N, C-alpha and C. Protein backbone atom coordinates (compact mmCIF):
# COMPACT_ATOMS: atom_id res chain seq x y z
N MET A 1 44.97 -31.22 -40.56
CA MET A 1 44.55 -29.82 -40.58
C MET A 1 45.11 -29.12 -41.83
N ASP A 2 44.27 -28.37 -42.51
CA ASP A 2 44.69 -27.64 -43.71
C ASP A 2 45.48 -26.42 -43.30
N LEU A 3 46.80 -26.45 -43.53
CA LEU A 3 47.66 -25.36 -43.08
C LEU A 3 47.55 -24.13 -43.96
N THR A 4 46.92 -24.27 -45.13
CA THR A 4 46.77 -23.12 -46.02
C THR A 4 45.49 -22.34 -45.74
N ALA A 5 44.57 -22.93 -44.99
CA ALA A 5 43.29 -22.27 -44.72
C ALA A 5 43.47 -21.13 -43.73
N ARG A 6 42.58 -20.17 -43.84
CA ARG A 6 42.47 -19.14 -42.81
C ARG A 6 41.41 -19.59 -41.81
N HIS A 7 41.58 -19.17 -40.57
CA HIS A 7 40.78 -19.74 -39.50
C HIS A 7 39.96 -18.70 -38.74
N ILE A 8 38.71 -19.07 -38.51
CA ILE A 8 37.82 -18.33 -37.62
C ILE A 8 37.64 -19.18 -36.38
N GLY A 9 37.95 -18.64 -35.22
CA GLY A 9 37.82 -19.38 -33.98
C GLY A 9 36.70 -18.82 -33.12
N ILE A 10 35.82 -19.69 -32.67
CA ILE A 10 34.75 -19.30 -31.75
C ILE A 10 35.15 -19.77 -30.36
N PHE A 11 35.31 -18.82 -29.45
CA PHE A 11 35.80 -19.10 -28.11
C PHE A 11 34.64 -19.57 -27.23
N LEU A 12 34.80 -20.73 -26.60
CA LEU A 12 33.80 -21.27 -25.69
C LEU A 12 34.35 -21.24 -24.27
N PHE A 13 33.48 -20.91 -23.33
CA PHE A 13 33.89 -20.83 -21.92
C PHE A 13 32.68 -21.17 -21.06
N PRO A 14 32.89 -21.55 -19.81
CA PRO A 14 31.75 -21.90 -18.96
C PRO A 14 30.73 -20.77 -18.88
N HIS A 15 29.47 -21.13 -19.05
CA HIS A 15 28.34 -20.20 -19.00
C HIS A 15 28.32 -19.23 -20.18
N VAL A 16 28.87 -19.67 -21.33
CA VAL A 16 28.70 -18.92 -22.57
C VAL A 16 27.24 -19.03 -22.98
N GLU A 17 26.68 -17.97 -23.53
CA GLU A 17 25.29 -18.00 -24.02
C GLU A 17 25.25 -18.83 -25.30
N GLU A 18 24.37 -19.83 -25.31
CA GLU A 18 24.37 -20.80 -26.40
C GLU A 18 24.30 -20.16 -27.79
N LEU A 19 23.28 -19.37 -28.05
CA LEU A 19 23.10 -18.85 -29.40
C LEU A 19 24.17 -17.85 -29.79
N ASP A 20 24.79 -17.20 -28.81
CA ASP A 20 25.90 -16.29 -29.11
C ASP A 20 27.02 -17.01 -29.85
N ALA A 21 27.22 -18.28 -29.50
CA ALA A 21 28.26 -19.08 -30.15
C ALA A 21 27.71 -19.90 -31.31
N ILE A 22 26.55 -20.52 -31.10
CA ILE A 22 26.01 -21.47 -32.09
C ILE A 22 25.43 -20.74 -33.30
N GLY A 23 24.87 -19.53 -33.09
CA GLY A 23 24.35 -18.76 -34.22
C GLY A 23 25.44 -18.43 -35.23
N PRO A 24 26.53 -17.77 -34.80
CA PRO A 24 27.64 -17.54 -35.73
C PRO A 24 28.23 -18.84 -36.28
N TRP A 25 28.30 -19.88 -35.44
CA TRP A 25 28.81 -21.17 -35.93
C TRP A 25 27.98 -21.67 -37.12
N GLU A 26 26.66 -21.59 -37.01
CA GLU A 26 25.79 -22.06 -38.08
C GLU A 26 26.08 -21.32 -39.38
N VAL A 27 26.18 -19.99 -39.29
CA VAL A 27 26.44 -19.18 -40.47
C VAL A 27 27.81 -19.49 -41.05
N LEU A 28 28.82 -19.42 -40.21
CA LEU A 28 30.20 -19.50 -40.68
C LEU A 28 30.59 -20.91 -41.12
N SER A 29 30.09 -21.92 -40.42
CA SER A 29 30.43 -23.28 -40.82
C SER A 29 29.68 -23.68 -42.09
N CYS A 30 28.44 -23.18 -42.25
CA CYS A 30 27.72 -23.41 -43.52
C CYS A 30 28.54 -22.84 -44.67
N TRP A 31 29.03 -21.65 -44.50
CA TRP A 31 29.88 -21.02 -45.53
C TRP A 31 31.12 -21.86 -45.80
N ALA A 32 31.87 -22.16 -44.74
CA ALA A 32 33.16 -22.83 -44.92
C ALA A 32 33.02 -24.23 -45.50
N ARG A 33 31.99 -24.95 -45.09
CA ARG A 33 31.80 -26.33 -45.56
C ARG A 33 31.22 -26.38 -46.97
N THR A 34 30.34 -25.42 -47.28
CA THR A 34 29.68 -25.45 -48.59
C THR A 34 30.58 -24.88 -49.68
N TRP A 35 31.41 -23.91 -49.33
CA TRP A 35 32.31 -23.27 -50.29
C TRP A 35 33.75 -23.37 -49.78
N PRO A 36 34.31 -24.58 -49.71
CA PRO A 36 35.66 -24.74 -49.16
C PRO A 36 36.73 -24.03 -49.97
N ASP A 37 36.48 -23.80 -51.26
CA ASP A 37 37.47 -23.11 -52.07
C ASP A 37 37.64 -21.65 -51.67
N ASP A 38 36.72 -21.11 -50.86
CA ASP A 38 36.92 -19.75 -50.33
C ASP A 38 38.09 -19.71 -49.36
N GLY A 39 38.48 -20.88 -48.85
CA GLY A 39 39.72 -20.96 -48.07
C GLY A 39 39.60 -20.68 -46.59
N TRP A 40 38.40 -20.86 -46.01
CA TRP A 40 38.21 -20.59 -44.59
C TRP A 40 37.77 -21.84 -43.85
N ARG A 41 38.25 -21.99 -42.62
CA ARG A 41 37.80 -23.04 -41.71
C ARG A 41 37.31 -22.38 -40.43
N VAL A 42 36.34 -23.04 -39.80
CA VAL A 42 35.78 -22.55 -38.54
C VAL A 42 36.03 -23.60 -37.47
N VAL A 43 36.56 -23.17 -36.33
CA VAL A 43 36.83 -24.08 -35.23
C VAL A 43 36.28 -23.48 -33.94
N THR A 44 36.01 -24.35 -32.99
CA THR A 44 35.71 -23.90 -31.63
C THR A 44 36.89 -24.26 -30.75
N PHE A 45 37.11 -23.44 -29.73
CA PHE A 45 38.20 -23.72 -28.81
C PHE A 45 37.86 -23.17 -27.43
N SER A 46 38.49 -23.74 -26.44
CA SER A 46 38.37 -23.28 -25.06
C SER A 46 39.74 -23.36 -24.44
N GLU A 47 39.83 -23.08 -23.15
CA GLU A 47 41.14 -23.20 -22.50
C GLU A 47 41.66 -24.62 -22.65
N GLN A 48 40.76 -25.58 -22.47
CA GLN A 48 41.09 -26.99 -22.69
C GLN A 48 40.04 -27.57 -23.62
N ALA A 49 40.45 -28.42 -24.54
CA ALA A 49 39.49 -29.08 -25.42
C ALA A 49 38.54 -29.92 -24.58
N GLY A 50 37.32 -30.07 -25.07
CA GLY A 50 36.36 -30.93 -24.37
C GLY A 50 35.07 -30.21 -24.07
N GLU A 51 34.32 -30.75 -23.13
CA GLU A 51 32.98 -30.27 -22.86
C GLU A 51 32.97 -28.92 -22.14
N VAL A 52 32.01 -28.10 -22.55
CA VAL A 52 31.79 -26.80 -21.92
C VAL A 52 30.30 -26.69 -21.64
N ARG A 53 29.95 -26.38 -20.40
CA ARG A 53 28.53 -26.21 -20.04
C ARG A 53 28.14 -24.76 -20.24
N CYS A 54 27.06 -24.54 -20.99
CA CYS A 54 26.65 -23.20 -21.39
C CYS A 54 25.67 -22.59 -20.40
N ALA A 55 25.28 -21.34 -20.68
CA ALA A 55 24.47 -20.56 -19.75
C ALA A 55 23.09 -21.15 -19.50
N GLN A 56 22.47 -21.72 -20.53
CA GLN A 56 21.12 -22.26 -20.40
C GLN A 56 21.11 -23.77 -20.16
N GLY A 57 22.27 -24.36 -19.94
CA GLY A 57 22.35 -25.76 -19.57
C GLY A 57 22.83 -26.71 -20.66
N MET A 58 22.94 -26.23 -21.91
CA MET A 58 23.45 -27.09 -22.97
C MET A 58 24.94 -27.35 -22.75
N THR A 59 25.37 -28.57 -23.09
CA THR A 59 26.79 -28.89 -23.06
C THR A 59 27.29 -29.01 -24.49
N VAL A 60 28.38 -28.32 -24.80
CA VAL A 60 28.99 -28.38 -26.12
C VAL A 60 30.43 -28.83 -25.97
N ARG A 61 31.02 -29.23 -27.08
CA ARG A 61 32.39 -29.73 -27.05
C ARG A 61 33.29 -28.82 -27.89
N ALA A 62 34.33 -28.29 -27.28
CA ALA A 62 35.31 -27.48 -28.00
C ALA A 62 36.23 -28.37 -28.81
N ASP A 63 36.48 -27.98 -30.06
CA ASP A 63 37.38 -28.74 -30.94
C ASP A 63 38.81 -28.77 -30.41
N HIS A 64 39.22 -27.63 -29.89
CA HIS A 64 40.63 -27.45 -29.52
C HIS A 64 40.74 -26.79 -28.16
N GLY A 65 41.89 -27.02 -27.54
CA GLY A 65 42.29 -26.23 -26.39
C GLY A 65 43.19 -25.09 -26.87
N GLU A 66 43.50 -24.22 -25.96
CA GLU A 66 44.36 -23.09 -26.33
C GLU A 66 45.71 -23.57 -26.86
N ALA A 67 46.19 -24.69 -26.35
CA ALA A 67 47.52 -25.17 -26.73
C ALA A 67 47.59 -25.70 -28.15
N ASP A 68 46.47 -26.21 -28.69
CA ASP A 68 46.56 -26.84 -30.01
C ASP A 68 45.64 -26.20 -31.05
N ARG A 69 45.05 -25.06 -30.74
CA ARG A 69 44.20 -24.41 -31.74
C ARG A 69 45.08 -23.84 -32.86
N PRO A 70 44.51 -23.70 -34.06
CA PRO A 70 45.26 -23.04 -35.13
C PRO A 70 45.39 -21.55 -34.87
N GLU A 71 46.32 -20.92 -35.56
CA GLU A 71 46.41 -19.46 -35.49
C GLU A 71 45.11 -18.87 -36.05
N LEU A 72 44.63 -17.82 -35.42
CA LEU A 72 43.34 -17.27 -35.78
C LEU A 72 43.48 -16.03 -36.64
N ASP A 73 42.69 -15.99 -37.70
CA ASP A 73 42.54 -14.77 -38.49
C ASP A 73 41.37 -13.94 -37.98
N VAL A 74 40.36 -14.63 -37.45
CA VAL A 74 39.18 -13.98 -36.90
C VAL A 74 38.83 -14.66 -35.58
N LEU A 75 38.53 -13.86 -34.56
CA LEU A 75 38.07 -14.38 -33.28
C LEU A 75 36.62 -13.96 -33.08
N VAL A 76 35.75 -14.92 -32.75
CA VAL A 76 34.38 -14.63 -32.34
C VAL A 76 34.30 -14.85 -30.84
N TYR A 77 33.99 -13.77 -30.12
CA TYR A 77 33.94 -13.82 -28.65
C TYR A 77 32.48 -13.69 -28.23
N PRO A 78 31.83 -14.79 -27.87
CA PRO A 78 30.43 -14.72 -27.47
C PRO A 78 30.27 -14.07 -26.10
N GLY A 79 29.00 -13.87 -25.73
CA GLY A 79 28.69 -13.33 -24.41
C GLY A 79 28.09 -14.38 -23.51
N GLY A 80 27.37 -13.90 -22.51
CA GLY A 80 26.78 -14.77 -21.50
C GLY A 80 27.31 -14.44 -20.13
N GLN A 81 26.69 -15.02 -19.12
CA GLN A 81 27.12 -14.75 -17.74
C GLN A 81 28.58 -15.13 -17.51
N GLY A 82 29.08 -16.04 -18.31
CA GLY A 82 30.48 -16.45 -18.16
C GLY A 82 31.49 -15.37 -18.48
N THR A 83 31.04 -14.28 -19.10
CA THR A 83 31.99 -13.18 -19.35
C THR A 83 32.30 -12.39 -18.08
N ARG A 84 31.39 -12.42 -17.09
CA ARG A 84 31.56 -11.52 -15.94
C ARG A 84 32.87 -11.75 -15.17
N PRO A 85 33.25 -13.00 -14.85
CA PRO A 85 34.53 -13.19 -14.17
C PRO A 85 35.72 -12.78 -15.02
N GLN A 86 35.55 -12.78 -16.34
CA GLN A 86 36.66 -12.45 -17.22
C GLN A 86 36.99 -10.97 -17.22
N LEU A 87 36.07 -10.14 -16.74
CA LEU A 87 36.28 -8.70 -16.77
C LEU A 87 37.39 -8.26 -15.85
N THR A 88 37.73 -9.10 -14.89
CA THR A 88 38.83 -8.79 -13.97
C THR A 88 39.92 -9.87 -14.01
N ASP A 89 39.86 -10.72 -15.01
CA ASP A 89 40.85 -11.79 -15.17
C ASP A 89 42.04 -11.24 -15.97
N VAL A 90 43.10 -10.93 -15.28
CA VAL A 90 44.25 -10.26 -15.89
C VAL A 90 44.81 -11.08 -17.04
N ALA A 91 44.92 -12.39 -16.85
CA ALA A 91 45.48 -13.25 -17.90
C ALA A 91 44.58 -13.27 -19.13
N ARG A 92 43.27 -13.36 -18.92
CA ARG A 92 42.35 -13.40 -20.06
C ARG A 92 42.37 -12.09 -20.83
N LEU A 93 42.38 -10.97 -20.10
CA LEU A 93 42.39 -9.66 -20.77
C LEU A 93 43.69 -9.45 -21.54
N ASP A 94 44.79 -9.93 -20.98
CA ASP A 94 46.06 -9.82 -21.69
C ASP A 94 46.03 -10.70 -22.95
N TRP A 95 45.40 -11.87 -22.86
CA TRP A 95 45.25 -12.75 -24.02
C TRP A 95 44.47 -12.04 -25.13
N VAL A 96 43.38 -11.35 -24.75
CA VAL A 96 42.58 -10.61 -25.73
C VAL A 96 43.43 -9.52 -26.38
N ARG A 97 44.19 -8.79 -25.60
CA ARG A 97 45.05 -7.73 -26.16
C ARG A 97 46.07 -8.31 -27.13
N ARG A 98 46.63 -9.46 -26.80
CA ARG A 98 47.62 -10.08 -27.69
C ARG A 98 47.00 -10.48 -29.01
N ARG A 99 45.77 -11.01 -28.96
CA ARG A 99 45.11 -11.38 -30.21
C ARG A 99 44.91 -10.14 -31.08
N SER A 100 44.52 -9.05 -30.46
CA SER A 100 44.33 -7.81 -31.22
C SER A 100 45.64 -7.31 -31.80
N ARG A 101 46.69 -7.33 -31.00
CA ARG A 101 48.00 -6.87 -31.48
C ARG A 101 48.53 -7.76 -32.59
N ASP A 102 48.17 -9.04 -32.56
CA ASP A 102 48.63 -9.99 -33.59
C ASP A 102 47.94 -9.77 -34.94
N GLY A 103 46.95 -8.89 -34.98
CA GLY A 103 46.25 -8.62 -36.22
C GLY A 103 45.00 -9.44 -36.43
N THR A 104 44.55 -10.16 -35.40
CA THR A 104 43.31 -10.92 -35.50
C THR A 104 42.13 -9.96 -35.62
N LEU A 105 41.20 -10.26 -36.51
CA LEU A 105 39.97 -9.49 -36.59
C LEU A 105 39.12 -9.89 -35.39
N MET A 106 38.82 -8.93 -34.52
CA MET A 106 38.16 -9.19 -33.25
C MET A 106 36.66 -8.94 -33.40
N THR A 107 35.87 -9.99 -33.23
CA THR A 107 34.41 -9.83 -33.29
C THR A 107 33.81 -10.32 -31.98
N SER A 108 32.67 -9.74 -31.63
CA SER A 108 32.01 -10.16 -30.39
C SER A 108 30.51 -10.21 -30.59
N VAL A 109 29.87 -11.00 -29.76
CA VAL A 109 28.42 -11.10 -29.71
C VAL A 109 27.97 -10.77 -28.29
N CYS A 110 26.94 -9.95 -28.17
CA CYS A 110 26.34 -9.68 -26.88
C CYS A 110 27.40 -9.14 -25.90
N THR A 111 27.50 -9.71 -24.71
CA THR A 111 28.41 -9.19 -23.69
C THR A 111 29.86 -9.61 -23.89
N GLY A 112 30.16 -10.27 -24.99
CA GLY A 112 31.57 -10.44 -25.34
C GLY A 112 32.25 -9.09 -25.48
N SER A 113 31.48 -8.07 -25.87
CA SER A 113 32.04 -6.72 -26.00
C SER A 113 32.50 -6.15 -24.66
N LEU A 114 31.91 -6.62 -23.55
CA LEU A 114 32.36 -6.15 -22.24
C LEU A 114 33.81 -6.57 -22.00
N VAL A 115 34.15 -7.77 -22.44
CA VAL A 115 35.53 -8.24 -22.29
C VAL A 115 36.46 -7.37 -23.13
N TYR A 116 36.04 -7.05 -24.33
CA TYR A 116 36.85 -6.17 -25.18
C TYR A 116 37.02 -4.80 -24.54
N ALA A 117 35.95 -4.29 -23.93
CA ALA A 117 36.04 -3.00 -23.25
C ALA A 117 37.00 -3.07 -22.08
N ALA A 118 36.89 -4.12 -21.28
CA ALA A 118 37.78 -4.26 -20.12
C ALA A 118 39.24 -4.39 -20.54
N ALA A 119 39.46 -4.95 -21.75
CA ALA A 119 40.82 -5.10 -22.27
C ALA A 119 41.34 -3.83 -22.94
N GLY A 120 40.48 -2.81 -23.06
CA GLY A 120 40.90 -1.55 -23.66
C GLY A 120 40.74 -1.47 -25.16
N LEU A 121 40.06 -2.45 -25.76
CA LEU A 121 39.95 -2.48 -27.22
C LEU A 121 38.91 -1.49 -27.77
N LEU A 122 38.01 -1.02 -26.90
CA LEU A 122 36.92 -0.17 -27.39
C LEU A 122 37.10 1.29 -27.05
N ARG A 123 38.30 1.68 -26.67
CA ARG A 123 38.55 3.07 -26.30
C ARG A 123 38.29 3.99 -27.49
N GLY A 124 37.31 4.88 -27.33
CA GLY A 124 36.99 5.86 -28.36
C GLY A 124 36.30 5.30 -29.58
N ARG A 125 35.88 4.04 -29.53
CA ARG A 125 35.29 3.39 -30.70
C ARG A 125 33.76 3.34 -30.60
N PRO A 126 33.09 3.24 -31.75
CA PRO A 126 31.67 2.91 -31.73
C PRO A 126 31.51 1.42 -31.45
N ALA A 127 30.49 1.07 -30.68
CA ALA A 127 30.29 -0.34 -30.33
C ALA A 127 28.87 -0.54 -29.83
N THR A 128 28.47 -1.81 -29.78
CA THR A 128 27.17 -2.14 -29.21
C THR A 128 27.29 -3.42 -28.40
N THR A 129 26.20 -3.77 -27.73
CA THR A 129 26.13 -4.98 -26.92
C THR A 129 24.66 -5.26 -26.65
N HIS A 130 24.37 -6.26 -25.84
CA HIS A 130 22.99 -6.52 -25.43
C HIS A 130 22.43 -5.28 -24.74
N TRP A 131 21.17 -4.99 -24.99
CA TRP A 131 20.59 -3.74 -24.47
C TRP A 131 20.68 -3.64 -22.96
N ARG A 132 20.62 -4.77 -22.26
CA ARG A 132 20.72 -4.72 -20.80
C ARG A 132 22.14 -4.40 -20.33
N ALA A 133 23.12 -4.56 -21.19
CA ALA A 133 24.52 -4.37 -20.79
C ALA A 133 25.11 -3.05 -21.28
N LEU A 134 24.30 -2.20 -21.91
CA LEU A 134 24.83 -0.95 -22.47
C LEU A 134 25.46 -0.07 -21.39
N ALA A 135 24.78 0.06 -20.26
CA ALA A 135 25.32 0.90 -19.18
C ALA A 135 26.61 0.30 -18.64
N HIS A 136 26.66 -1.01 -18.52
CA HIS A 136 27.88 -1.67 -18.04
C HIS A 136 29.03 -1.44 -19.01
N LEU A 137 28.73 -1.49 -20.29
CA LEU A 137 29.77 -1.24 -21.29
C LEU A 137 30.34 0.16 -21.12
N ARG A 138 29.49 1.14 -20.90
CA ARG A 138 29.98 2.50 -20.70
C ARG A 138 30.76 2.65 -19.40
N GLU A 139 30.35 1.93 -18.37
CA GLU A 139 31.11 1.96 -17.11
C GLU A 139 32.52 1.44 -17.32
N LEU A 140 32.63 0.36 -18.09
CA LEU A 140 33.94 -0.23 -18.33
C LEU A 140 34.80 0.64 -19.23
N GLU A 141 34.18 1.31 -20.19
CA GLU A 141 34.91 2.15 -21.13
C GLU A 141 34.11 3.43 -21.38
N PRO A 142 34.36 4.49 -20.56
CA PRO A 142 33.57 5.72 -20.67
C PRO A 142 33.68 6.42 -22.02
N THR A 143 34.74 6.13 -22.78
CA THR A 143 34.91 6.81 -24.07
C THR A 143 34.21 6.09 -25.22
N VAL A 144 33.62 4.91 -24.95
CA VAL A 144 32.96 4.17 -26.03
C VAL A 144 31.83 5.00 -26.61
N ARG A 145 31.65 4.91 -27.92
CA ARG A 145 30.55 5.61 -28.60
C ARG A 145 29.45 4.59 -28.85
N LEU A 146 28.52 4.53 -27.91
CA LEU A 146 27.49 3.50 -27.94
C LEU A 146 26.58 3.65 -29.15
N ARG A 147 26.24 2.50 -29.74
CA ARG A 147 25.27 2.43 -30.83
C ARG A 147 24.15 1.50 -30.37
N PRO A 148 23.26 1.99 -29.49
CA PRO A 148 22.28 1.11 -28.85
C PRO A 148 21.28 0.47 -29.79
N ASP A 149 21.04 1.07 -30.94
CA ASP A 149 20.05 0.54 -31.87
C ASP A 149 20.65 -0.32 -32.98
N ALA A 150 21.95 -0.46 -32.98
CA ALA A 150 22.61 -1.21 -34.05
C ALA A 150 22.59 -2.71 -33.76
N ARG A 151 22.35 -3.51 -34.78
CA ARG A 151 22.48 -4.96 -34.63
C ARG A 151 23.96 -5.35 -34.56
N PHE A 152 24.80 -4.65 -35.31
CA PHE A 152 26.24 -4.85 -35.22
C PHE A 152 26.92 -3.55 -35.64
N VAL A 153 28.17 -3.41 -35.22
CA VAL A 153 28.96 -2.22 -35.54
C VAL A 153 30.32 -2.69 -36.03
N ASP A 154 30.65 -2.37 -37.28
CA ASP A 154 31.94 -2.72 -37.87
C ASP A 154 32.83 -1.49 -37.81
N ASP A 155 33.89 -1.57 -37.00
CA ASP A 155 34.83 -0.47 -36.89
C ASP A 155 36.22 -0.92 -37.35
N GLY A 156 36.25 -1.63 -38.45
CA GLY A 156 37.53 -2.03 -39.03
C GLY A 156 38.06 -3.31 -38.44
N ASP A 157 38.94 -3.20 -37.45
CA ASP A 157 39.54 -4.39 -36.87
C ASP A 157 38.78 -4.92 -35.67
N VAL A 158 37.66 -4.27 -35.32
CA VAL A 158 36.79 -4.73 -34.24
C VAL A 158 35.34 -4.64 -34.72
N ILE A 159 34.60 -5.74 -34.58
CA ILE A 159 33.18 -5.76 -34.89
C ILE A 159 32.44 -6.24 -33.65
N THR A 160 31.51 -5.43 -33.16
CA THR A 160 30.68 -5.83 -32.02
C THR A 160 29.25 -6.02 -32.50
N SER A 161 28.52 -6.88 -31.80
CA SER A 161 27.11 -7.05 -32.14
C SER A 161 26.27 -7.06 -30.88
N ALA A 162 24.99 -6.83 -31.06
CA ALA A 162 24.05 -6.78 -29.95
C ALA A 162 23.76 -8.20 -29.47
N GLY A 163 22.67 -8.36 -28.73
CA GLY A 163 22.44 -9.61 -28.02
C GLY A 163 22.00 -10.78 -28.88
N VAL A 164 22.48 -11.94 -28.52
CA VAL A 164 22.03 -13.26 -28.93
C VAL A 164 21.84 -13.37 -30.45
N SER A 165 20.64 -13.17 -30.97
CA SER A 165 20.39 -13.40 -32.39
C SER A 165 21.13 -12.42 -33.28
N ALA A 166 21.54 -11.26 -32.74
CA ALA A 166 22.29 -10.30 -33.55
C ALA A 166 23.62 -10.89 -34.01
N GLY A 167 24.10 -11.89 -33.30
CA GLY A 167 25.33 -12.55 -33.73
C GLY A 167 25.20 -13.21 -35.08
N ILE A 168 24.00 -13.64 -35.45
CA ILE A 168 23.78 -14.22 -36.77
C ILE A 168 23.94 -13.13 -37.83
N ASP A 169 23.36 -11.95 -37.56
CA ASP A 169 23.52 -10.84 -38.49
C ASP A 169 25.00 -10.46 -38.64
N MET A 170 25.70 -10.42 -37.52
CA MET A 170 27.12 -10.07 -37.55
C MET A 170 27.91 -11.09 -38.37
N ALA A 171 27.58 -12.38 -38.19
CA ALA A 171 28.30 -13.42 -38.92
C ALA A 171 28.03 -13.34 -40.42
N LEU A 172 26.80 -13.03 -40.81
CA LEU A 172 26.50 -12.85 -42.23
C LEU A 172 27.25 -11.64 -42.78
N HIS A 173 27.32 -10.58 -41.99
CA HIS A 173 28.12 -9.42 -42.40
C HIS A 173 29.59 -9.82 -42.57
N LEU A 174 30.07 -10.67 -41.68
CA LEU A 174 31.46 -11.12 -41.77
C LEU A 174 31.70 -11.90 -43.06
N VAL A 175 30.76 -12.77 -43.42
CA VAL A 175 30.87 -13.48 -44.69
C VAL A 175 30.91 -12.50 -45.85
N ALA A 176 30.02 -11.50 -45.81
CA ALA A 176 30.01 -10.50 -46.88
C ALA A 176 31.33 -9.75 -46.94
N ARG A 177 31.87 -9.43 -45.80
CA ARG A 177 33.15 -8.70 -45.77
C ARG A 177 34.30 -9.54 -46.29
N LEU A 178 34.30 -10.82 -45.98
CA LEU A 178 35.43 -11.68 -46.33
C LEU A 178 35.28 -12.36 -47.70
N ALA A 179 34.04 -12.54 -48.15
CA ALA A 179 33.83 -13.30 -49.39
C ALA A 179 32.82 -12.65 -50.33
N GLY A 180 32.27 -11.51 -49.96
CA GLY A 180 31.38 -10.80 -50.85
C GLY A 180 29.91 -10.95 -50.50
N THR A 181 29.12 -9.97 -50.92
CA THR A 181 27.70 -9.94 -50.61
C THR A 181 26.96 -11.13 -51.19
N ARG A 182 27.31 -11.52 -52.41
CA ARG A 182 26.63 -12.65 -53.04
C ARG A 182 26.80 -13.92 -52.22
N ARG A 183 28.00 -14.15 -51.72
CA ARG A 183 28.22 -15.35 -50.90
C ARG A 183 27.39 -15.29 -49.62
N ALA A 184 27.35 -14.12 -48.99
CA ALA A 184 26.56 -13.98 -47.77
C ALA A 184 25.08 -14.24 -48.05
N GLN A 185 24.60 -13.80 -49.20
CA GLN A 185 23.20 -14.05 -49.57
C GLN A 185 22.97 -15.55 -49.77
N GLN A 186 23.93 -16.23 -50.36
CA GLN A 186 23.80 -17.67 -50.55
C GLN A 186 23.77 -18.40 -49.21
N VAL A 187 24.62 -17.97 -48.29
CA VAL A 187 24.63 -18.59 -46.96
C VAL A 187 23.31 -18.32 -46.26
N ARG A 188 22.83 -17.09 -46.32
CA ARG A 188 21.57 -16.75 -45.65
C ARG A 188 20.44 -17.63 -46.18
N ARG A 189 20.40 -17.80 -47.49
CA ARG A 189 19.35 -18.66 -48.05
C ARG A 189 19.55 -20.11 -47.63
N GLY A 190 20.80 -20.53 -47.59
CA GLY A 190 21.09 -21.91 -47.21
C GLY A 190 20.60 -22.26 -45.81
N ILE A 191 20.73 -21.34 -44.88
CA ILE A 191 20.28 -21.60 -43.52
C ILE A 191 18.85 -21.13 -43.30
N GLN A 192 18.22 -20.62 -44.37
CA GLN A 192 16.85 -20.10 -44.35
C GLN A 192 16.66 -19.10 -43.20
N TYR A 193 17.54 -18.12 -43.17
CA TYR A 193 17.46 -17.06 -42.16
C TYR A 193 16.72 -15.89 -42.77
N ASP A 194 15.48 -15.71 -42.35
CA ASP A 194 14.64 -14.66 -42.89
C ASP A 194 13.72 -14.21 -41.75
N PRO A 195 14.24 -13.44 -40.82
CA PRO A 195 13.50 -13.17 -39.57
C PRO A 195 12.15 -12.51 -39.81
N GLN A 196 11.13 -13.16 -39.28
CA GLN A 196 9.78 -12.62 -39.27
C GLN A 196 9.18 -12.97 -37.92
N PRO A 197 9.53 -12.21 -36.89
CA PRO A 197 9.09 -12.58 -35.53
C PRO A 197 7.58 -12.76 -35.45
N PRO A 198 7.12 -13.82 -34.80
CA PRO A 198 5.68 -14.10 -34.71
C PRO A 198 4.97 -13.26 -33.68
N VAL A 199 5.72 -12.55 -32.84
CA VAL A 199 5.10 -11.72 -31.80
C VAL A 199 5.69 -10.33 -31.82
């Protein structure tokens, strides 16, 4: 493991929404692998290393467990039905708060923002989530300043994004923030991300 690299960790958990995790992974790993001199590595982790069954039935493998993951500079917290039990999981919410206090840049996709809200990270902040979860987000954190039409919202040390494919936009924004707009444009072209919905 390169101890000089900075690390982006994508958290995997049972019933995580596939594209919430894999979309940012595609963007961020393309960046890190193609331009290693930028000094970033991307890893996946779960409570225990190994297989994780996702929301739509795909099985993925986490690189690391919590015990052996590298220290994180950036956390990507995906959404999916698997976030719902976490909203009342005292240990998980305390873990999220510790990551924030440690100075980790906290990012979320879709209903990952609900976990951030339950942990108190979105108090008084602008944020977004999947359109179906906007009301739930406000229930969890009445002071949140909802941005229902935003693909992502960057509020400094917390970045939230809307549902599923919006995580790709958020990840490209993250590349631009960490390595510059030109690099993000190169990554976007590399993965041929040029949304033109057919319907």
